[in-house]
Amino acid sequence: MAARVWSDLPSELLQSIADRLGLIELLCFRGVCKDWKSASSTASAEIEALPNHEPWFLLYGENKSKSKSKCTLVSESGRKYSIVFPELDGATCIASSQGWLLLFREGSMFFFCPFSRAKIELPGKFPHTVISDHVALFSSPPTSQDCVVCVISKSSETKLELYVIHRGATAWSKHDLEASPQKIECAAYHNGVFHFFDNNNEVVNFSMEDRRLTMRKVRYVELGKEEKSLRLRFSSDHEKRNMKKRLGLEKGFAVSTCGTTVACHNCYKLVPCEKLGNAEEPAGRQCLKGVWFQPRFHQIDPKQSR
């Protein structure tokens, strides 16, 4: 009896196997051959971010490596994987939500899902060719018809500027606010309003209904005490230390990170954008980039690539 090659296994069996795999195993499975990749297209692997699950971390921009596309992936348990993402060459992540990354490169922006390699370009050029302390947020996944992207930054010590683009638009709209918040570290979207939090208990709000920018002080209340309160909380110092410990960065490395939001039992936890290891000091240090993100596997129709 002739030996049967692995690629000839029944598609029903391959689908059954794929349905039982975890994220990394599923990625390996899909890389075996075209038949295995096709058979796993509907796999229901446990790769969706679940309540109380910590985000994964993607470390990129290792310019001293032989391949600039080489990245390090850190799982929830702290296990590390080396992986190549050519899509991240020369790019900077400015937003992360629901497994999608929003990346900026040479004046253009695009959405990218690391695990499926799905990529969606934003139309036109962003008004700035260089970004520094810009923080972005999108209202819903880029595959959604009502997806809106907001990018905020300080144009001067006393002025904020916000750029907005929605699905179907071909250009960014600009909104200004005379205000002087501190460094914006976190962002969240809720009921048609974008919220940008600084490190001094102030929040900048942008309402999609009236297209107005406002700024106010953050007031903390106990969950459930007020119906109109946002069900958000900031990462505690203990949680931040645990997340940094999980990265296990070597001495001489500095990382500028992009944050995200994590679903908890009754609220969302904000993981801030921050700089670890004094990322602003270039002398004798290798400055890398990183992003916290939820491990999801998004597949898109080729027509949705733009």
C-alpha atoms as a PDB file:
ATOM      1  CA  MET A   1       0.000   0.000   0.000  1.00  0.00           C
ATOM      2  CA  ALA A   2       1.440   3.328  -1.098  1.00  0.00           C
ATOM      3  CA  ALA A   3       2.132   5.909   1.581  1.00  0.00           C
ATOM      4  CA  ARG A   4      -0.297   8.827   1.600  1.00  0.00           C
ATOM      5  CA  VAL A   5       1.165  12.324   1.514  1.00  0.00           C
ATOM      6  CA  TRP A   6       0.056  14.778   4.194  1.00  0.00           C
ATOM      7  CA  SER A   7      -1.449  17.180   1.664  1.00  0.00           C
ATOM      8  CA  ASP A   8      -3.912  14.477   0.578  1.00  0.00           C
ATOM      9  CA  LEU A   9      -5.642  14.227   3.957  1.00  0.00           C
ATOM     10  CA  PRO A  10      -9.447  14.709   3.729  1.00  0.00           C
ATOM     11  CA  SER A  11     -10.478  18.357   4.075  1.00  0.00           C
ATOM     12  CA  GLU A  12     -13.016  17.404   6.773  1.00  0.00           C
ATOM     13  CA  LEU A  13     -10.219  15.924   8.900  1.00  0.00           C
ATOM     14  CA  LEU A  14      -7.996  18.958   8.350  1.00  0.00           C
ATOM     15  CA  GLN A  15     -10.817  21.315   9.367  1.00  0.00           C
ATOM     16  CA  SER A  16     -11.445  19.276  12.504  1.00  0.00           C
ATOM     17  CA  ILE A  17      -7.758  19.479  13.430  1.00  0.00           C
ATOM     18  CA  ALA A  18      -7.570  23.225  12.736  1.00  0.00           C
ATOM     19  CA  ASP A  19     -10.598  23.871  14.954  1.00  0.00           C
ATOM     20  CA  ARG A  20      -8.689  22.454  17.926  1.00  0.00           C
ATOM     21  CA  LEU A  21      -5.518  24.480  17.525  1.00  0.00           C
ATOM     22  CA  GLY A  22      -4.319  27.531  19.411  1.00  0.00           C
ATOM     23  CA  LEU A  23      -3.117  30.669  17.669  1.00  0.00           C
ATOM     24  CA  ILE A  24       0.566  29.884  17.097  1.00  0.00           C
ATOM     25  CA  GLU A  25      -0.207  26.271  16.188  1.00  0.00           C
ATOM     26  CA  LEU A  26      -2.839  27.458  13.708  1.00  0.00           C
ATOM     27  CA  LEU A  27      -0.339  29.782  12.035  1.00  0.00           C
ATOM     28  CA  CYS A  28       2.114  26.884  11.649  1.00  0.00           C
ATOM     29  CA  PHE A  29      -0.684  24.673  10.343  1.00  0.00           C
ATOM     30  CA  ARG A  30      -1.650  27.249   7.696  1.00  0.00           C
ATOM     31  CA  GLY A  31       1.963  27.506   6.518  1.00  0.00           C
ATOM     32  CA  VAL A  32       2.319  23.829   5.561  1.00  0.00           C
ATOM     33  CA  CYS A  33       0.699  24.026   2.128  1.00  0.00           C
ATOM     34  CA  LYS A  34      -2.169  25.612   0.182  1.00  0.00           C
ATOM     35  CA  ASP A  35      -4.570  22.760   0.956  1.00  0.00           C
ATOM     36  CA  TRP A  36      -3.988  23.046   4.705  1.00  0.00           C
ATOM     37  CA  LYS A  37      -4.361  26.822   4.554  1.00  0.00           C
ATOM     38  CA  SER A  38      -7.626  26.499   2.650  1.00  0.00           C
ATOM     39  CA  ALA A  39      -8.960  23.844   5.036  1.00  0.00           C
ATOM     40  CA  SER A  40      -8.307  26.094   8.046  1.00  0.00           C
ATOM     41  CA  SER A  41     -10.046  29.173   6.614  1.00  0.00           C
ATOM     42  CA  THR A  42     -13.061  28.688   8.879  1.00  0.00           C
ATOM     43  CA  ALA A  43     -11.164  27.391  11.888  1.00  0.00           C
ATOM     44  CA  SER A  44     -12.744  28.352  15.200  1.00  0.00           C
ATOM     45  CA  ALA A  45      -9.423  28.417  17.065  1.00  0.00           C
ATOM     46  CA  GLU A  46      -9.387  30.010  20.491  1.00  0.00           C
ATOM     47  CA  ILE A  47      -7.710  33.181  19.319  1.00  0.00           C
ATOM     48  CA  GLU A  48     -10.262  35.812  20.255  1.00  0.00           C
ATOM     49  CA  ALA A  49      -9.329  38.098  23.120  1.00  0.00           C
ATOM     50  CA  LEU A  50     -11.370  37.024  26.147  1.00  0.00           C
ATOM     51  CA  PRO A  51     -12.247  38.986  29.326  1.00  0.00           C
ATOM     52  CA  ASN A  52      -9.321  39.304  31.738  1.00  0.00           C
ATOM     53  CA  HIS A  53      -6.824  38.020  29.183  1.00  0.00           C
ATOM     54  CA  GLU A  54      -3.720  40.162  29.021  1.00  0.00           C
ATOM     55  CA  PRO A  55      -2.692  41.523  25.602  1.00  0.00           C
ATOM     56  CA  TRP A  56       0.234  40.157  23.648  1.00  0.00           C
ATOM     57  CA  PHE A  57       3.207  42.334  22.758  1.00  0.00           C
ATOM     58  CA  LEU A  58       4.949  42.854  19.427  1.00  0.00           C
ATOM     59  CA  LEU A  59       8.490  44.254  19.499  1.00  0.00           C
ATOM     60  CA  TYR A  60       9.699  45.593  16.162  1.00  0.00           C
ATOM     61  CA  GLY A  61      12.193  48.010  14.614  1.00  0.00           C
ATOM     62  CA  GLU A  62      15.274  45.910  15.435  1.00  0.00           C
ATOM     63  CA  ASN A  63      17.485  47.899  13.063  1.00  0.00           C
ATOM     64  CA  LYS A  64      20.684  46.118  14.098  1.00  0.00           C
ATOM     65  CA  SER A  65      19.364  42.718  13.058  1.00  0.00           C
ATOM     66  CA  LYS A  66      20.207  41.220   9.673  1.00  0.00           C
ATOM     67  CA  SER A  67      16.552  41.452   8.716  1.00  0.00           C
ATOM     68  CA  LYS A  68      14.771  44.698   9.555  1.00  0.00           C
ATOM     69  CA  SER A  69      11.521  42.756   9.296  1.00  0.00           C
ATOM     70  CA  LYS A  70      12.422  40.526  12.234  1.00  0.00           C
ATOM     71  CA  CYS A  71      10.137  41.014  15.224  1.00  0.00           C
ATOM     72  CA  THR A  72       9.680  39.442  18.629  1.00  0.00           C
ATOM     73  CA  LEU A  73       6.236  38.307  19.700  1.00  0.00           C
ATOM     74  CA  VAL A  74       5.554  37.929  23.433  1.00  0.00           C
ATOM     75  CA  SER A  75       2.505  35.893  24.413  1.00  0.00           C
ATOM     76  CA  GLU A  76       0.315  36.332  27.488  1.00  0.00           C
ATOM     77  CA  SER A  77       2.403  33.717  29.322  1.00  0.00           C
ATOM     78  CA  GLY A  78       5.676  35.475  28.449  1.00  0.00           C
ATOM     79  CA  ARG A  79       6.764  32.968  25.839  1.00  0.00           C
ATOM     80  CA  LYS A  80       8.692  34.605  23.001  1.00  0.00           C
ATOM     81  CA  TYR A  81       8.566  33.889  19.272  1.00  0.00           C
ATOM     82  CA  SER A  82      10.685  35.281  16.433  1.00  0.00           C
ATOM     83  CA  ILE A  83       8.594  36.275  13.449  1.00  0.00           C
ATOM     84  CA  VAL A  84       9.124  38.267  10.253  1.00  0.00           C
ATOM     85  CA  PHE A  85       6.743  41.078   9.278  1.00  0.00           C
ATOM     86  CA  PRO A  86       7.932  42.956   6.153  1.00  0.00           C
ATOM     87  CA  GLU A  87       4.823  45.129   6.554  1.00  0.00           C
ATOM     88  CA  LEU A  88       6.397  46.780   9.616  1.00  0.00           C
ATOM     89  CA  ASP A  89       9.576  47.961   7.863  1.00  0.00           C
ATOM     90  CA  GLY A  90       9.845  51.712   8.484  1.00  0.00           C
ATOM     91  CA  ALA A  91       6.387  51.853  10.082  1.00  0.00           C
ATOM     92  CA  THR A  92       5.203  53.127  13.462  1.00  0.00           C
ATOM     93  CA  CYS A  93       2.085  51.853  15.214  1.00  0.00           C
ATOM     94  CA  ILE A  94      -0.113  54.674  16.546  1.00  0.00           C
ATOM     95  CA  ALA A  95      -3.246  52.720  17.528  1.00  0.00           C
ATOM     96  CA  SER A  96      -4.195  49.177  18.522  1.00  0.00           C
ATOM     97  CA  SER A  97      -7.683  47.751  19.031  1.00  0.00           C
ATOM     98  CA  GLN A  98      -9.437  44.395  18.633  1.00  0.00           C
ATOM     99  CA  GLY A  99      -6.424  42.789  16.988  1.00  0.00           C
ATOM    100  CA  TRP A 100      -5.971  45.531  14.376  1.00  0.00           C
ATOM    101  CA  LEU A 101      -2.927  47.823  14.299  1.00  0.00           C
ATOM    102  CA  LEU A 102      -3.016  51.280  12.720  1.00  0.00           C
ATOM    103  CA  LEU A 103       0.410  51.954  11.189  1.00  0.00           C
ATOM    104  CA  PHE A 104       2.019  55.109   9.820  1.00  0.00           C
ATOM    105  CA  ARG A 105       4.759  55.078   7.198  1.00  0.00           C
ATOM    106  CA  GLU A 106       6.064  57.948   5.078  1.00  0.00           C
ATOM    107  CA  GLY A 107       2.869  59.978   5.230  1.00  0.00           C
ATOM    108  CA  SER A 108       0.507  57.043   4.631  1.00  0.00           C
ATOM    109  CA  MET A 109      -1.534  54.933   7.033  1.00  0.00           C
ATOM    110  CA  PHE A 110      -2.824  51.390   6.899  1.00  0.00           C
ATOM    111  CA  PHE A 111      -4.490  48.819   9.123  1.00  0.00           C
ATOM    112  CA  PHE A 112      -2.688  45.535   9.695  1.00  0.00           C
ATOM    113  CA  CYS A 113      -3.594  42.301  11.481  1.00  0.00           C
ATOM    114  CA  PRO A 114      -0.299  40.589  12.440  1.00  0.00           C
ATOM    115  CA  PHE A 115      -1.567  37.018  12.511  1.00  0.00           C
ATOM    116  CA  SER A 116      -3.571  36.909   9.295  1.00  0.00           C
ATOM    117  CA  ARG A 117      -1.413  39.510   7.470  1.00  0.00           C
ATOM    118  CA  ALA A 118      -4.641  41.257   6.446  1.00  0.00           C
ATOM    119  CA  LYS A 119      -3.903  44.825   5.341  1.00  0.00           C
ATOM    120  CA  ILE A 120      -6.249  47.738   4.601  1.00  0.00           C
ATOM    121  CA  GLU A 121      -4.890  51.021   3.220  1.00  0.00           C
ATOM    122  CA  LEU A 122      -6.331  54.374   4.247  1.00  0.00           C
ATOM    123  CA  PRO A 123      -6.994  56.682   1.279  1.00  0.00           C
ATOM    124  CA  GLY A 124      -4.824  59.682   0.555  1.00  0.00           C
ATOM    125  CA  LYS A 125      -1.876  61.086   2.461  1.00  0.00           C
ATOM    126  CA  PHE A 126      -1.910  62.070   6.118  1.00  0.00           C
ATOM    127  CA  PRO A 127      -1.277  65.847   6.529  1.00  0.00           C
ATOM    128  CA  HIS A 128       1.967  65.190   8.456  1.00  0.00           C
ATOM    129  CA  THR A 129       4.958  63.414   6.944  1.00  0.00           C
ATOM    130  CA  VAL A 130       6.565  62.846  10.359  1.00  0.00           C
ATOM    131  CA  ILE A 131       4.879  61.825  13.607  1.00  0.00           C
ATOM    132  CA  SER A 132       6.185  62.072  17.158  1.00  0.00           C
ATOM    133  CA  ASP A 133       3.694  62.160  20.026  1.00  0.00           C
ATOM    134  CA  HIS A 134       0.637  61.520  17.888  1.00  0.00           C
ATOM    135  CA  VAL A 135      -2.000  59.250  19.444  1.00  0.00           C
ATOM    136  CA  ALA A 136      -4.711  57.659  17.299  1.00  0.00           C
ATOM    137  CA  LEU A 137      -7.930  55.759  17.815  1.00  0.00           C
ATOM    138  CA  PHE A 138     -10.515  54.109  15.586  1.00  0.00           C
ATOM    139  CA  SER A 139     -14.170  53.666  16.472  1.00  0.00           C
ATOM    140  CA  SER A 140     -14.642  50.135  15.105  1.00  0.00           C
ATOM    141  CA  PRO A 141     -12.747  47.550  13.038  1.00  0.00           C
ATOM    142  CA  PRO A 142     -11.675  48.806   9.589  1.00  0.00           C
ATOM    143  CA  THR A 143     -13.988  46.252   7.971  1.00  0.00           C
ATOM    144  CA  SER A 144     -16.971  48.070   9.502  1.00  0.00           C
ATOM    145  CA  GLN A 145     -18.907  50.569   7.397  1.00  0.00           C
ATOM    146  CA  ASP A 146     -18.954  53.082  10.275  1.00  0.00           C
ATOM    147  CA  CYS A 147     -15.207  53.012  11.021  1.00  0.00           C
ATOM    148  CA  VAL A 148     -13.823  56.452  11.935  1.00  0.00           C
ATOM    149  CA  VAL A 149     -10.141  57.212  12.599  1.00  0.00           C
ATOM    150  CA  CYS A 150      -8.960  60.115  14.785  1.00  0.00           C
ATOM    151  CA  VAL A 151      -5.344  61.256  15.229  1.00  0.00           C
ATOM    152  CA  ILE A 152      -4.492  63.882  17.848  1.00  0.00           C
ATOM    153  CA  SER A 153      -1.306  65.814  18.601  1.00  0.00           C
ATOM    154  CA  LYS A 154      -0.091  69.115  20.027  1.00  0.00           C
ATOM    155  CA  SER A 155       0.723  71.666  17.329  1.00  0.00           C
ATOM    156  CA  SER A 156       2.079  74.060  19.982  1.00  0.00           C
ATOM    157  CA  GLU A 157       2.209  74.403  23.762  1.00  0.00           C
ATOM    158  CA  THR A 158      -1.292  75.889  23.785  1.00  0.00           C
ATOM    159  CA  LYS A 159      -2.994  74.261  20.800  1.00  0.00           C
ATOM    160  CA  LEU A 160      -4.248  70.788  19.890  1.00  0.00           C
ATOM    161  CA  GLU A 161      -5.057  69.543  16.420  1.00  0.00           C
ATOM    162  CA  LEU A 162      -7.205  66.548  15.562  1.00  0.00           C
ATOM    163  CA  TYR A 163      -7.436  64.891  12.160  1.00  0.00           C
ATOM    164  CA  VAL A 164     -10.451  62.735  11.294  1.00  0.00           C
ATOM    165  CA  ILE A 165     -11.288  60.428   8.413  1.00  0.00           C
ATOM    166  CA  HIS A 166     -14.266  58.091   8.049  1.00  0.00           C
ATOM    167  CA  ARG A 167     -14.829  55.138   5.790  1.00  0.00           C
ATOM    168  CA  GLY A 168     -15.719  56.329   2.312  1.00  0.00           C
ATOM    169  CA  ALA A 169     -13.924  59.667   2.679  1.00  0.00           C
ATOM    170  CA  THR A 170     -10.903  60.519   0.543  1.00  0.00           C
ATOM    171  CA  ALA A 171      -9.312  63.216   2.723  1.00  0.00           C
ATOM    172  CA  TRP A 172      -8.737  64.096   6.378  1.00  0.00           C
ATOM    173  CA  SER A 173     -10.698  66.853   8.118  1.00  0.00           C
ATOM    174  CA  LYS A 174      -8.955  69.046  10.710  1.00  0.00           C
ATOM    175  CA  HIS A 175     -10.225  70.326  14.075  1.00  0.00           C
ATOM    176  CA  ASP A 176      -8.382  72.657  16.458  1.00  0.00           C
ATOM    177  CA  LEU A 177      -8.667  73.364  20.179  1.00  0.00           C
ATOM    178  CA  GLU A 178      -6.943  76.027  22.248  1.00  0.00           C
ATOM    179  CA  ALA A 179      -5.805  73.888  25.177  1.00  0.00           C
ATOM    180  CA  SER A 180      -2.627  72.736  26.870  1.00  0.00           C
ATOM    181  CA  PRO A 181      -2.969  69.183  28.185  1.00  0.00           C
ATOM    182  CA  GLN A 182       0.047  67.159  29.240  1.00  0.00           C
ATOM    183  CA  LYS A 183       1.271  64.146  27.256  1.00  0.00           C
ATOM    184  CA  ILE A 184      -1.691  62.139  25.940  1.00  0.00           C
ATOM    185  CA  GLU A 185      -1.234  58.484  26.910  1.00  0.00           C
ATOM    186  CA  CYS A 186      -4.561  56.662  26.457  1.00  0.00           C
ATOM    187  CA  ALA A 187      -7.578  56.773  24.193  1.00  0.00           C
ATOM    188  CA  ALA A 188     -11.042  55.213  24.200  1.00  0.00           C
ATOM    189  CA  TYR A 189     -14.203  55.387  22.099  1.00  0.00           C
ATOM    190  CA  HIS A 190     -17.717  55.194  23.540  1.00  0.00           C
ATOM    191  CA  ASN A 191     -21.161  56.068  22.152  1.00  0.00           C
ATOM    192  CA  GLY A 192     -19.983  58.322  19.348  1.00  0.00           C
ATOM    193  CA  VAL A 193     -17.329  60.155  21.370  1.00  0.00           C
ATOM    194  CA  PHE A 194     -13.538  59.822  21.180  1.00  0.00           C
ATOM    195  CA  HIS A 195     -11.757  60.328  24.523  1.00  0.00           C
ATOM    196  CA  PHE A 196      -8.037  61.130  24.803  1.00  0.00           C
ATOM    197  CA  PHE A 197      -6.562  61.013  28.325  1.00  0.00           C
ATOM    198  CA  ASP A 198      -3.357  62.774  29.372  1.00  0.00           C
ATOM    199  CA  ASN A 199      -1.112  61.994  32.342  1.00  0.00           C
ATOM    200  CA  ASN A 200      -2.563  64.822  34.413  1.00  0.00           C
ATOM    201  CA  ASN A 201      -6.177  63.637  34.833  1.00  0.00           C
ATOM    202  CA  GLU A 202      -7.500  65.636  31.904  1.00  0.00           C
ATOM    203  CA  VAL A 203      -9.415  64.316  28.929  1.00  0.00           C
ATOM    204  CA  VAL A 204      -9.949  65.727  25.446  1.00  0.00           C
ATOM    205  CA  ASN A 205     -13.272  64.711  23.881  1.00  0.00           C
ATOM    206  CA  PHE A 206     -14.363  64.739  20.253  1.00  0.00           C
ATOM    207  CA  SER A 207     -18.051  64.176  19.518  1.00  0.00           C
ATOM    208  CA  MET A 208     -18.968  62.738  16.130  1.00  0.00           C
ATOM    209  CA  GLU A 209     -22.438  64.280  16.430  1.00  0.00           C
ATOM    210  CA  ASP A 210     -21.468  67.955  16.703  1.00  0.00           C
ATOM    211  CA  ARG A 211     -17.836  67.653  15.558  1.00  0.00           C
ATOM    212  CA  ARG A 212     -16.561  69.619  18.552  1.00  0.00           C
ATOM    213  CA  LEU A 213     -13.373  69.302  20.576  1.00  0.00           C
ATOM    214  CA  THR A 214     -13.600  69.940  24.320  1.00  0.00           C
ATOM    215  CA  MET A 215     -11.360  69.361  27.322  1.00  0.00           C
ATOM    216  CA  ARG A 216     -12.268  68.681  30.944  1.00  0.00           C
ATOM    217  CA  LYS A 217     -10.996  67.138  34.147  1.00  0.00           C
ATOM    218  CA  VAL A 218     -11.373  63.411  34.712  1.00  0.00           C
ATOM    219  CA  ARG A 219     -13.690  62.626  37.614  1.00  0.00           C
ATOM    220  CA  TYR A 220     -13.500  59.145  39.106  1.00  0.00           C
ATOM    221  CA  VAL A 221     -16.668  57.411  40.296  1.00  0.00           C
ATOM    222  CA  GLU A 222     -17.463  53.911  41.473  1.00  0.00           C
ATOM    223  CA  LEU A 223     -18.687  51.669  38.678  1.00  0.00           C
ATOM    224  CA  GLY A 224     -22.474  51.599  38.530  1.00  0.00           C
ATOM    225  CA  LYS A 225     -22.952  54.772  40.567  1.00  0.00           C
ATOM    226  CA  GLU A 226     -23.642  56.963  37.533  1.00  0.00           C
ATOM    227  CA  GLU A 227     -25.321  55.749  34.348  1.00  0.00           C
ATOM    228  CA  LYS A 228     -23.438  58.207  32.121  1.00  0.00           C
ATOM    229  CA  SER A 229     -19.994  57.336  33.436  1.00  0.00           C
ATOM    230  CA  LEU A 230     -17.483  55.589  31.184  1.00  0.00           C
ATOM    231  CA  ARG A 231     -16.742  52.019  32.171  1.00  0.00           C
ATOM    232  CA  LEU A 232     -13.001  52.504  31.926  1.00  0.00           C
ATOM    233  CA  ARG A 233     -10.079  52.148  34.269  1.00  0.00           C
ATOM    234  CA  PHE A 234      -6.355  52.760  33.919  1.00  0.00           C
ATOM    235  CA  SER A 235      -3.717  50.073  34.326  1.00  0.00           C
ATOM    236  CA  SER A 236      -2.481  49.927  37.903  1.00  0.00           C
ATOM    237  CA  ASP A 237       1.227  50.306  38.710  1.00  0.00           C
ATOM    238  CA  HIS A 238       1.283  46.624  39.684  1.00  0.00           C
ATOM    239  CA  GLU A 239      -0.193  45.608  36.321  1.00  0.00           C
ATOM    240  CA  LYS A 240       2.298  47.809  34.476  1.00  0.00           C
ATOM    241  CA  ARG A 241       5.216  46.244  36.335  1.00  0.00           C
ATOM    242  CA  ASN A 242       3.971  42.742  35.521  1.00  0.00           C
ATOM    243  CA  MET A 243       3.603  43.608  31.840  1.00  0.00           C
ATOM    244  CA  LYS A 244       7.105  45.087  31.683  1.00  0.00           C
ATOM    245  CA  LYS A 245       8.510  42.064  33.502  1.00  0.00           C
ATOM    246  CA  ARG A 246       6.903  39.805  30.918  1.00  0.00           C
ATOM    247  CA  LEU A 247       8.865  41.564  28.166  1.00  0.00           C
ATOM    248  CA  GLY A 248      12.204  40.783  29.830  1.00  0.00           C
ATOM    249  CA  LEU A 249      14.057  43.492  27.910  1.00  0.00           C
ATOM    250  CA  GLU A 250      17.834  43.290  27.921  1.00  0.00           C
ATOM    251  CA  LYS A 251      19.972  46.127  29.267  1.00  0.00           C
ATOM    252  CA  GLY A 252      20.718  48.851  26.751  1.00  0.00           C
ATOM    253  CA  PHE A 253      17.326  48.619  25.093  1.00  0.00           C
ATOM    254  CA  ALA A 254      14.676  51.331  25.109  1.00  0.00           C
ATOM    255  CA  VAL A 255      11.161  50.832  23.773  1.00  0.00           C
ATOM    256  CA  SER A 256       8.493  53.300  22.708  1.00  0.00           C
ATOM    257  CA  THR A 257       5.177  51.479  23.047  1.00  0.00           C
ATOM    258  CA  CYS A 258       1.682  51.893  21.655  1.00  0.00           C
ATOM    259  CA  GLY A 259      -1.095  51.004  24.102  1.00  0.00           C
ATOM    260  CA  THR A 260      -4.496  49.367  23.712  1.00  0.00           C
ATOM    261  CA  THR A 261      -7.676  48.548  25.634  1.00  0.00           C
ATOM    262  CA  VAL A 262      -8.370  45.236  27.366  1.00  0.00           C
ATOM    263  CA  ALA A 263     -11.820  43.867  28.130  1.00  0.00           C
ATOM    264  CA  CYS A 264     -12.370  43.120  31.829  1.00  0.00           C
ATOM    265  CA  HIS A 265     -15.403  41.719  33.675  1.00  0.00           C
ATOM    266  CA  ASN A 266     -17.383  44.956  33.860  1.00  0.00           C
ATOM    267  CA  CYS A 267     -15.213  47.577  32.177  1.00  0.00           C
ATOM    268  CA  TYR A 268     -12.327  48.214  29.813  1.00  0.00           C
ATOM    269  CA  LYS A 269      -8.754  48.647  31.024  1.00  0.00           C
ATOM    270  CA  LEU A 270      -6.608  51.272  29.304  1.00  0.00           C
ATOM    271  CA  VAL A 271      -3.018  50.239  28.595  1.00  0.00           C
ATOM    272  CA  PRO A 272      -1.056  53.478  28.003  1.00  0.00           C
ATOM    273  CA  CYS A 273       1.335  54.556  25.299  1.00  0.00           C
ATOM    274  CA  GLU A 274       4.649  54.998  27.087  1.00  0.00           C
ATOM    275  CA  LYS A 275       8.407  54.891  26.805  1.00  0.00           C
ATOM    276  CA  LEU A 276      10.296  52.179  28.647  1.00  0.00           C
ATOM    277  CA  GLY A 277      13.973  52.395  29.494  1.00  0.00           C
ATOM    278  CA  ASN A 278      14.252  56.098  28.608  1.00  0.00           C
ATOM    279  CA  ALA A 279      13.486  55.740  24.901  1.00  0.00           C
ATOM    280  CA  GLU A 280      14.426  59.374  24.279  1.00  0.00           C
ATOM    281  CA  GLU A 281      18.097  58.786  25.092  1.00  0.00           C
ATOM    282  CA  PRO A 282      19.932  57.662  21.915  1.00  0.00           C
ATOM    283  CA  ALA A 283      23.500  57.434  23.223  1.00  0.00           C
ATOM    284  CA  GLY A 284      24.530  53.812  23.720  1.00  0.00           C
ATOM    285  CA  ARG A 285      20.971  52.537  23.557  1.00  0.00           C
ATOM    286  CA  GLN A 286      18.991  50.782  20.870  1.00  0.00           C
ATOM    287  CA  CYS A 287      15.542  52.334  20.645  1.00  0.00           C
ATOM    288  CA  LEU A 288      12.887  49.877  19.519  1.00  0.00           C
ATOM    289  CA  LYS A 289       9.159  50.115  18.969  1.00  0.00           C
ATOM    290  CA  GLY A 290       6.447  47.971  20.459  1.00  0.00           C
ATOM    291  CA  VAL A 291       2.704  47.587  20.599  1.00  0.00           C
ATOM    292  CA  TRP A 292       0.300  45.854  22.966  1.00  0.00           C
ATOM    293  CA  PHE A 293      -2.473  44.134  21.018  1.00  0.00           C
ATOM    294  CA  GLN A 294      -5.222  41.574  21.323  1.00  0.00           C
ATOM    295  CA  PRO A 295      -4.433  38.227  19.646  1.00  0.00           C
ATOM    296  CA  ARG A 296      -7.026  37.907  16.913  1.00  0.00           C
ATOM    297  CA  PHE A 297      -7.080  36.441  13.440  1.00  0.00           C
ATOM    298  CA  HIS A 298      -8.963  38.636  10.954  1.00  0.00           C
ATOM    299  CA  GLN A 299      -9.491  37.541   7.385  1.00  0.00           C
ATOM    300  CA  ILE A 300     -10.816  40.006   4.841  1.00  0.00           C
ATOM    301  CA  ASP A 301     -12.215  39.982   1.350  1.00  0.00           C
ATOM    302  CA  PRO A 302      -9.581  41.133  -1.193  1.00  0.00           C
ATOM    303  CA  LYS A 303     -11.985  43.941  -2.160  1.00  0.00           C
ATOM    304  CA  GLN A 304     -11.597  45.377   1.345  1.00  0.00           C
ATOM    305  CA  SER A 305      -7.866  46.001   1.006  1.00  0.00           C
ATOM    306  CA  ARG A 306      -8.681  49.687   0.565  1.00  0.00           C
END
